[in-house]
Amino acid sequence: MSKKFFAALIVAVAATFAGYNIYQSQGTVTMSDLALANVEALASGEGGGVKCCPDPGDECKLSSGDILSDQDEC
């Protein structure tokens, strides 16, 4: 065997190994019920306190398209 063929074979094997490892790591990640409960507990109470200070005549519009009616004082 020539050295070039052997080097190309090594590169092909390394690329195949790397590609397979990347393919394996792309699987879906599922969280357990306990982990989901922890995320919900940590996130509770973080929804309030939206502060919007529009210019006179403007409105505070949320990303959902709703208009924020009760605005904090600026």
PDB file of N, CA and C in Angstrom:
ATOM      1  N   MET A   1       0.832  -1.182   0.000  1.00  0.00           N
ATOM      2  CA  MET A   1       0.000   0.000   0.000  1.00  0.00           C
ATOM      3  C   MET A   1       0.876   1.245   0.000  1.00  0.00           C
ATOM      4  N   SER A   2       0.396   2.234  -0.680  1.00  0.00           N
ATOM      5  CA  SER A   2       1.168   3.468  -0.702  1.00  0.00           C
ATOM      6  C   SER A   2       0.810   4.318   0.511  1.00  0.00           C
ATOM      7  N   LYS A   3       1.667   5.266   0.825  1.00  0.00           N
ATOM      8  CA  LYS A   3       1.458   6.123   1.991  1.00  0.00           C
ATOM      9  C   LYS A   3       0.236   7.012   1.794  1.00  0.00           C
ATOM     10  N   LYS A   4      -0.013   7.468   0.572  1.00  0.00           N
ATOM     11  CA  LYS A   4      -1.157   8.341   0.311  1.00  0.00           C
ATOM     12  C   LYS A   4      -2.468   7.599   0.540  1.00  0.00           C
ATOM     13  N   PHE A   5      -2.529   6.345   0.105  1.00  0.00           N
ATOM     14  CA  PHE A   5      -3.731   5.556   0.295  1.00  0.00           C
ATOM     15  C   PHE A   5      -3.984   5.310   1.774  1.00  0.00           C
ATOM     16  N   PHE A   6      -2.933   5.006   2.517  1.00  0.00           N
ATOM     17  CA  PHE A   6      -3.063   4.769   3.948  1.00  0.00           C
ATOM     18  C   PHE A   6      -3.517   6.034   4.678  1.00  0.00           C
ATOM     19  N   ALA A   7      -2.981   7.189   4.293  1.00  0.00           N
ATOM     20  CA  ALA A   7      -3.377   8.462   4.901  1.00  0.00           C
ATOM     21  C   ALA A   7      -4.842   8.768   4.586  1.00  0.00           C
ATOM     22  N   ALA A   8      -5.257   8.509   3.358  1.00  0.00           N
ATOM     23  CA  ALA A   8      -6.651   8.748   2.982  1.00  0.00           C
ATOM     24  C   ALA A   8      -7.580   7.813   3.747  1.00  0.00           C
ATOM     25  N   LEU A   9      -7.167   6.601   3.961  1.00  0.00           N
ATOM     26  CA  LEU A   9      -7.957   5.647   4.731  1.00  0.00           C
ATOM     27  C   LEU A   9      -8.112   6.101   6.178  1.00  0.00           C
ATOM     28  N   ILE A  10      -7.044   6.600   6.774  1.00  0.00           N
ATOM     29  CA  ILE A  10      -7.094   7.112   8.143  1.00  0.00           C
ATOM     30  C   ILE A  10      -8.054   8.301   8.229  1.00  0.00           C
ATOM     31  N   VAL A  11      -7.985   9.209   7.271  1.00  0.00           N
ATOM     32  CA  VAL A  11      -8.869  10.380   7.257  1.00  0.00           C
ATOM     33  C   VAL A  11     -10.322   9.933   7.102  1.00  0.00           C
ATOM     34  N   ALA A  12     -10.588   8.976   6.241  1.00  0.00           N
ATOM     35  CA  ALA A  12     -11.949   8.491   6.033  1.00  0.00           C
ATOM     36  C   ALA A  12     -12.500   7.832   7.294  1.00  0.00           C
ATOM     37  N   VAL A  13     -11.695   7.058   7.976  1.00  0.00           N
ATOM     38  CA  VAL A  13     -12.137   6.409   9.207  1.00  0.00           C
ATOM     39  C   VAL A  13     -12.413   7.464  10.289  1.00  0.00           C
ATOM     40  N   ALA A  14     -11.546   8.451  10.408  1.00  0.00           N
ATOM     41  CA  ALA A  14     -11.746   9.501  11.404  1.00  0.00           C
ATOM     42  C   ALA A  14     -13.006  10.308  11.099  1.00  0.00           C
ATOM     43  N   ALA A  15     -13.239  10.619   9.829  1.00  0.00           N
ATOM     44  CA  ALA A  15     -14.430  11.374   9.443  1.00  0.00           C
ATOM     45  C   ALA A  15     -15.700  10.560   9.705  1.00  0.00           C
ATOM     46  N   THR A  16     -15.646   9.271   9.425  1.00  0.00           N
ATOM     47  CA  THR A  16     -16.797   8.409   9.685  1.00  0.00           C
ATOM     48  C   THR A  16     -17.080   8.334  11.181  1.00  0.00           C
ATOM     49  N   PHE A  17     -16.055   8.187  11.977  1.00  0.00           N
ATOM     50  CA  PHE A  17     -16.214   8.129  13.427  1.00  0.00           C
ATOM     51  C   PHE A  17     -16.793   9.434  13.960  1.00  0.00           C
ATOM     52  N   ALA A  18     -16.265  10.563  13.506  1.00  0.00           N
ATOM     53  CA  ALA A  18     -16.762  11.867  13.957  1.00  0.00           C
ATOM     54  C   ALA A  18     -18.208  12.079  13.518  1.00  0.00           C
ATOM     55  N   GLY A  19     -18.527  11.717  12.295  1.00  0.00           N
ATOM     56  CA  GLY A  19     -19.887  11.869  11.798  1.00  0.00           C
ATOM     57  C   GLY A  19     -20.878  11.030  12.562  1.00  0.00           C
ATOM     58  N   TYR A  20     -20.513   9.822  12.893  1.00  0.00           N
ATOM     59  CA  TYR A  20     -21.390   8.947  13.659  1.00  0.00           C
ATOM     60  C   TYR A  20     -21.630   9.506  15.065  1.00  0.00           C
ATOM     61  N   ASN A  21     -20.589  10.032  15.696  1.00  0.00           N
ATOM     62  CA  ASN A  21     -20.747  10.612  17.031  1.00  0.00           C
ATOM     63  C   ASN A  21     -21.653  11.840  17.002  1.00  0.00           C
ATOM     64  N   ILE A  22     -21.538  12.658  15.975  1.00  0.00           N
ATOM     65  CA  ILE A  22     -22.417  13.821  15.841  1.00  0.00           C
ATOM     66  C   ILE A  22     -23.847  13.358  15.619  1.00  0.00           C
ATOM     67  N   TYR A  23     -24.036  12.352  14.797  1.00  0.00           N
ATOM     68  CA  TYR A  23     -25.377  11.814  14.545  1.00  0.00           C
ATOM     69  C   TYR A  23     -26.004  11.284  15.832  1.00  0.00           C
ATOM     70  N   GLN A  24     -25.233  10.590  16.641  1.00  0.00           N
ATOM     71  CA  GLN A  24     -25.742  10.034  17.891  1.00  0.00           C
ATOM     72  C   GLN A  24     -26.118  11.129  18.882  1.00  0.00           C
ATOM     73  N   SER A  25     -25.403  12.252  18.871  1.00  0.00           N
ATOM     74  CA  SER A  25     -25.664  13.311  19.838  1.00  0.00           C
ATOM     75  C   SER A  25     -26.857  14.177  19.454  1.00  0.00           C
ATOM     76  N   GLN A  26     -27.432  13.988  18.287  1.00  0.00           N
ATOM     77  CA  GLN A  26     -28.558  14.795  17.829  1.00  0.00           C
ATOM     78  C   GLN A  26     -29.895  14.260  18.316  1.00  0.00           C
ATOM     79  N   GLY A  27     -29.920  13.268  19.152  1.00  0.00           N
ATOM     80  CA  GLY A  27     -31.162  12.683  19.648  1.00  0.00           C
ATOM     81  C   GLY A  27     -31.947  13.675  20.492  1.00  0.00           C
ATOM     82  N   THR A  28     -33.214  13.387  20.679  1.00  0.00           N
ATOM     83  CA  THR A  28     -34.052  14.272  21.478  1.00  0.00           C
ATOM     84  C   THR A  28     -33.745  14.086  22.958  1.00  0.00           C
ATOM     85  N   VAL A  29     -33.831  15.171  23.685  1.00  0.00           N
ATOM     86  CA  VAL A  29     -33.574  15.152  25.113  1.00  0.00           C
ATOM     87  C   VAL A  29     -34.915  15.214  25.823  1.00  0.00           C
ATOM     88  N   THR A  30     -35.182  14.227  26.645  1.00  0.00           N
ATOM     89  CA  THR A  30     -36.428  14.222  27.403  1.00  0.00           C
ATOM     90  C   THR A  30     -36.106  14.511  28.857  1.00  0.00           C
ATOM     91  N   MET A  31     -36.960  15.313  29.467  1.00  0.00           N
ATOM     92  CA  MET A  31     -36.765  15.644  30.873  1.00  0.00           C
ATOM     93  C   MET A  31     -37.707  14.807  31.727  1.00  0.00           C
ATOM     94  N   SER A  32     -37.249  14.423  32.883  1.00  0.00           N
ATOM     95  CA  SER A  32     -38.086  13.654  33.787  1.00  0.00           C
ATOM     96  C   SER A  32     -39.159  14.560  34.400  1.00  0.00           C
ATOM     97  N   ASP A  33     -40.156  13.955  35.004  1.00  0.00           N
ATOM     98  CA  ASP A  33     -41.214  14.722  35.651  1.00  0.00           C
ATOM     99  C   ASP A  33     -40.655  15.580  36.782  1.00  0.00           C
ATOM    100  N   LEU A  34     -39.656  15.071  37.482  1.00  0.00           N
ATOM    101  CA  LEU A  34     -39.048  15.828  38.569  1.00  0.00           C
ATOM    102  C   LEU A  34     -38.335  17.067  38.037  1.00  0.00           C
ATOM    103  N   ALA A  35     -37.604  16.914  36.947  1.00  0.00           N
ATOM    104  CA  ALA A  35     -36.903  18.053  36.358  1.00  0.00           C
ATOM    105  C   ALA A  35     -37.891  19.092  35.845  1.00  0.00           C
ATOM    106  N   LEU A  36     -38.985  18.644  35.218  1.00  0.00           N
ATOM    107  CA  LEU A  36     -39.991  19.587  34.744  1.00  0.00           C
ATOM    108  C   LEU A  36     -40.652  20.318  35.911  1.00  0.00           C
ATOM    109  N   ALA A  37     -40.906  19.620  36.997  1.00  0.00           N
ATOM    110  CA  ALA A  37     -41.480  20.262  38.182  1.00  0.00           C
ATOM    111  C   ALA A  37     -40.522  21.300  38.749  1.00  0.00           C
ATOM    112  N   ASN A  38     -39.229  21.013  38.734  1.00  0.00           N
ATOM    113  CA  ASN A  38     -38.243  21.978  39.223  1.00  0.00           C
ATOM    114  C   ASN A  38     -38.207  23.224  38.349  1.00  0.00           C
ATOM    115  N   VAL A  39     -38.278  23.047  37.050  1.00  0.00           N
ATOM    116  CA  VAL A  39     -38.279  24.191  36.136  1.00  0.00           C
ATOM    117  C   VAL A  39     -39.522  25.044  36.376  1.00  0.00           C
ATOM    118  N   GLU A  40     -40.668  24.412  36.529  1.00  0.00           N
ATOM    119  CA  GLU A  40     -41.893  25.162  36.772  1.00  0.00           C
ATOM    120  C   GLU A  40     -41.832  25.889  38.109  1.00  0.00           C
ATOM    121  N   ALA A  41     -41.262  25.259  39.126  1.00  0.00           N
ATOM    122  CA  ALA A  41     -41.160  25.898  40.437  1.00  0.00           C
ATOM    123  C   ALA A  41     -40.216  27.091  40.387  1.00  0.00           C
ATOM    124  N   LEU A  42     -39.133  26.959  39.671  1.00  0.00           N
ATOM    125  CA  LEU A  42     -38.182  28.064  39.569  1.00  0.00           C
ATOM    126  C   LEU A  42     -38.746  29.219  38.754  1.00  0.00           C
ATOM    127  N   ALA A  43     -39.581  28.910  37.782  1.00  0.00           N
ATOM    128  CA  ALA A  43     -40.120  29.943  36.903  1.00  0.00           C
ATOM    129  C   ALA A  43     -41.363  30.608  37.469  1.00  0.00           C
ATOM    130  N   SER A  44     -41.961  30.060  38.501  1.00  0.00           N
ATOM    131  CA  SER A  44     -43.185  30.656  39.034  1.00  0.00           C
ATOM    132  C   SER A  44     -42.872  32.017  39.632  1.00  0.00           C
ATOM    133  N   GLY A  45     -43.743  32.964  39.357  1.00  0.00           N
ATOM    134  CA  GLY A  45     -43.553  34.307  39.870  1.00  0.00           C
ATOM    135  C   GLY A  45     -42.695  35.189  39.006  1.00  0.00           C
ATOM    136  N   GLU A  46     -42.270  34.717  37.856  1.00  0.00           N
ATOM    137  CA  GLU A  46     -41.423  35.525  36.988  1.00  0.00           C
ATOM    138  C   GLU A  46     -42.195  36.187  35.855  1.00  0.00           C
ATOM    139  N   GLY A  47     -43.522  36.061  35.836  1.00  0.00           N
ATOM    140  CA  GLY A  47     -44.284  36.590  34.714  1.00  0.00           C
ATOM    141  C   GLY A  47     -44.687  38.034  34.847  1.00  0.00           C
ATOM    142  N   GLY A  48     -44.667  38.601  36.031  1.00  0.00           N
ATOM    143  CA  GLY A  48     -45.166  39.950  36.222  1.00  0.00           C
ATOM    144  C   GLY A  48     -44.084  41.001  36.093  1.00  0.00           C
ATOM    145  N   GLY A  49     -44.525  42.230  36.304  1.00  0.00           N
ATOM    146  CA  GLY A  49     -43.562  43.319  36.331  1.00  0.00           C
ATOM    147  C   GLY A  49     -43.139  43.829  34.978  1.00  0.00           C
ATOM    148  N   VAL A  50     -43.996  43.746  33.979  1.00  0.00           N
ATOM    149  CA  VAL A  50     -43.639  44.277  32.667  1.00  0.00           C
ATOM    150  C   VAL A  50     -43.687  45.791  32.757  1.00  0.00           C
ATOM    151  N   LYS A  51     -42.602  46.436  32.424  1.00  0.00           N
ATOM    152  CA  LYS A  51     -42.558  47.885  32.489  1.00  0.00           C
ATOM    153  C   LYS A  51     -42.551  48.429  31.078  1.00  0.00           C
ATOM    154  N   CYS A  52     -43.473  49.337  30.841  1.00  0.00           N
ATOM    155  CA  CYS A  52     -43.580  49.924  29.513  1.00  0.00           C
ATOM    156  C   CYS A  52     -43.792  51.413  29.685  1.00  0.00           C
ATOM    157  N   CYS A  53     -42.947  52.200  29.104  1.00  0.00           N
ATOM    158  CA  CYS A  53     -43.047  53.657  29.182  1.00  0.00           C
ATOM    159  C   CYS A  53     -43.133  54.219  27.770  1.00  0.00           C
ATOM    160  N   PRO A  54     -44.347  54.233  27.205  1.00  0.00           N
ATOM    161  CA  PRO A  54     -44.467  54.716  25.822  1.00  0.00           C
ATOM    162  C   PRO A  54     -44.425  56.239  25.749  1.00  0.00           C
ATOM    163  N   ASP A  55     -44.119  56.725  24.572  1.00  0.00           N
ATOM    164  CA  ASP A  55     -44.211  58.161  24.322  1.00  0.00           C
ATOM    165  C   ASP A  55     -45.681  58.549  24.318  1.00  0.00           C
ATOM    166  N   PRO A  56     -45.987  59.803  24.573  1.00  0.00           N
ATOM    167  CA  PRO A  56     -47.389  60.229  24.551  1.00  0.00           C
ATOM    168  C   PRO A  56     -48.052  59.883  23.207  1.00  0.00           C
ATOM    169  N   GLY A  57     -49.212  59.231  23.283  1.00  0.00           N
ATOM    170  CA  GLY A  57     -49.935  58.829  22.074  1.00  0.00           C
ATOM    171  C   GLY A  57     -49.608  57.425  21.598  1.00  0.00           C
ATOM    172  N   ASP A  58     -48.550  56.809  22.133  1.00  0.00           N
ATOM    173  CA  ASP A  58     -48.173  55.446  21.747  1.00  0.00           C
ATOM    174  C   ASP A  58     -48.759  54.446  22.739  1.00  0.00           C
ATOM    175  N   GLU A  59     -48.725  53.173  22.382  1.00  0.00           N
ATOM    176  CA  GLU A  59     -49.222  52.106  23.247  1.00  0.00           C
ATOM    177  C   GLU A  59     -48.127  51.094  23.490  1.00  0.00           C
ATOM    178  N   CYS A  60     -48.271  50.330  24.555  1.00  0.00           N
ATOM    179  CA  CYS A  60     -47.368  49.214  24.818  1.00  0.00           C
ATOM    180  C   CYS A  60     -47.984  47.971  24.208  1.00  0.00           C
ATOM    181  N   LYS A  61     -47.338  47.440  23.190  1.00  0.00           N
ATOM    182  CA  LYS A  61     -47.850  46.262  22.506  1.00  0.00           C
ATOM    183  C   LYS A  61     -46.953  45.079  22.828  1.00  0.00           C
ATOM    184  N   LEU A  62     -47.574  43.985  23.264  1.00  0.00           N
ATOM    185  CA  LEU A  62     -46.833  42.763  23.559  1.00  0.00           C
ATOM    186  C   LEU A  62     -46.537  42.014  22.269  1.00  0.00           C
ATOM    187  N   SER A  63     -45.642  41.047  22.333  1.00  0.00           N
ATOM    188  CA  SER A  63     -45.293  40.269  21.138  1.00  0.00           C
ATOM    189  C   SER A  63     -46.479  39.464  20.628  1.00  0.00           C
ATOM    190  N   SER A  64     -47.460  39.188  21.497  1.00  0.00           N
ATOM    191  CA  SER A  64     -48.652  38.457  21.071  1.00  0.00           C
ATOM    192  C   SER A  64     -49.627  39.351  20.310  1.00  0.00           C
ATOM    193  N   GLY A  65     -49.389  40.664  20.339  1.00  0.00           N
ATOM    194  CA  GLY A  65     -50.268  41.597  19.664  1.00  0.00           C
ATOM    195  C   GLY A  65     -51.232  42.275  20.610  1.00  0.00           C
ATOM    196  N   ASP A  66     -51.309  41.788  21.858  1.00  0.00           N
ATOM    197  CA  ASP A  66     -52.178  42.405  22.849  1.00  0.00           C
ATOM    198  C   ASP A  66     -51.610  43.736  23.293  1.00  0.00           C
ATOM    199  N   ILE A  67     -52.468  44.619  23.724  1.00  0.00           N
ATOM    200  CA  ILE A  67     -52.049  45.925  24.219  1.00  0.00           C
ATOM    201  C   ILE A  67     -52.051  45.881  25.738  1.00  0.00           C
ATOM    202  N   LEU A  68     -50.955  46.295  26.328  1.00  0.00           N
ATOM    203  CA  LEU A  68     -50.808  46.298  27.783  1.00  0.00           C
ATOM    204  C   LEU A  68     -51.568  47.491  28.336  1.00  0.00           C
ATOM    205  N   SER A  69     -52.600  47.200  29.156  1.00  0.00           N
ATOM    206  CA  SER A  69     -53.456  48.278  29.626  1.00  0.00           C
ATOM    207  C   SER A  69     -52.971  48.864  30.956  1.00  0.00           C
ATOM    208  N   ASP A  70     -52.593  48.036  31.907  1.00  0.00           N
ATOM    209  CA  ASP A  70     -52.145  48.577  33.190  1.00  0.00           C
ATOM    210  C   ASP A  70     -50.625  48.704  33.174  1.00  0.00           C
ATOM    211  N   GLN A  71     -50.168  49.926  32.986  1.00  0.00           N
ATOM    212  CA  GLN A  71     -48.739  50.190  32.850  1.00  0.00           C
ATOM    213  C   GLN A  71     -48.188  50.710  34.151  1.00  0.00           C
ATOM    214  N   ASP A  72     -46.960  50.331  34.441  1.00  0.00           N
ATOM    215  CA  ASP A  72     -46.284  50.869  35.625  1.00  0.00           C
ATOM    216  C   ASP A  72     -45.977  52.340  35.404  1.00  0.00           C
ATOM    217  N   GLU A  73     -45.863  53.072  36.512  1.00  0.00           N
ATOM    218  CA  GLU A  73     -45.503  54.471  36.374  1.00  0.00           C
ATOM    219  C   GLU A  73     -44.054  54.572  35.971  1.00  0.00           C
ATOM    220  N   CYS A  74     -43.775  55.513  35.117  1.00  0.00           N
ATOM    221  CA  CYS A  74     -42.391  55.680  34.633  1.00  0.00           C
ATOM    222  C   CYS A  74     -41.687  56.790  35.367  1.00  0.00           C
TER     223      CYS A  74
END
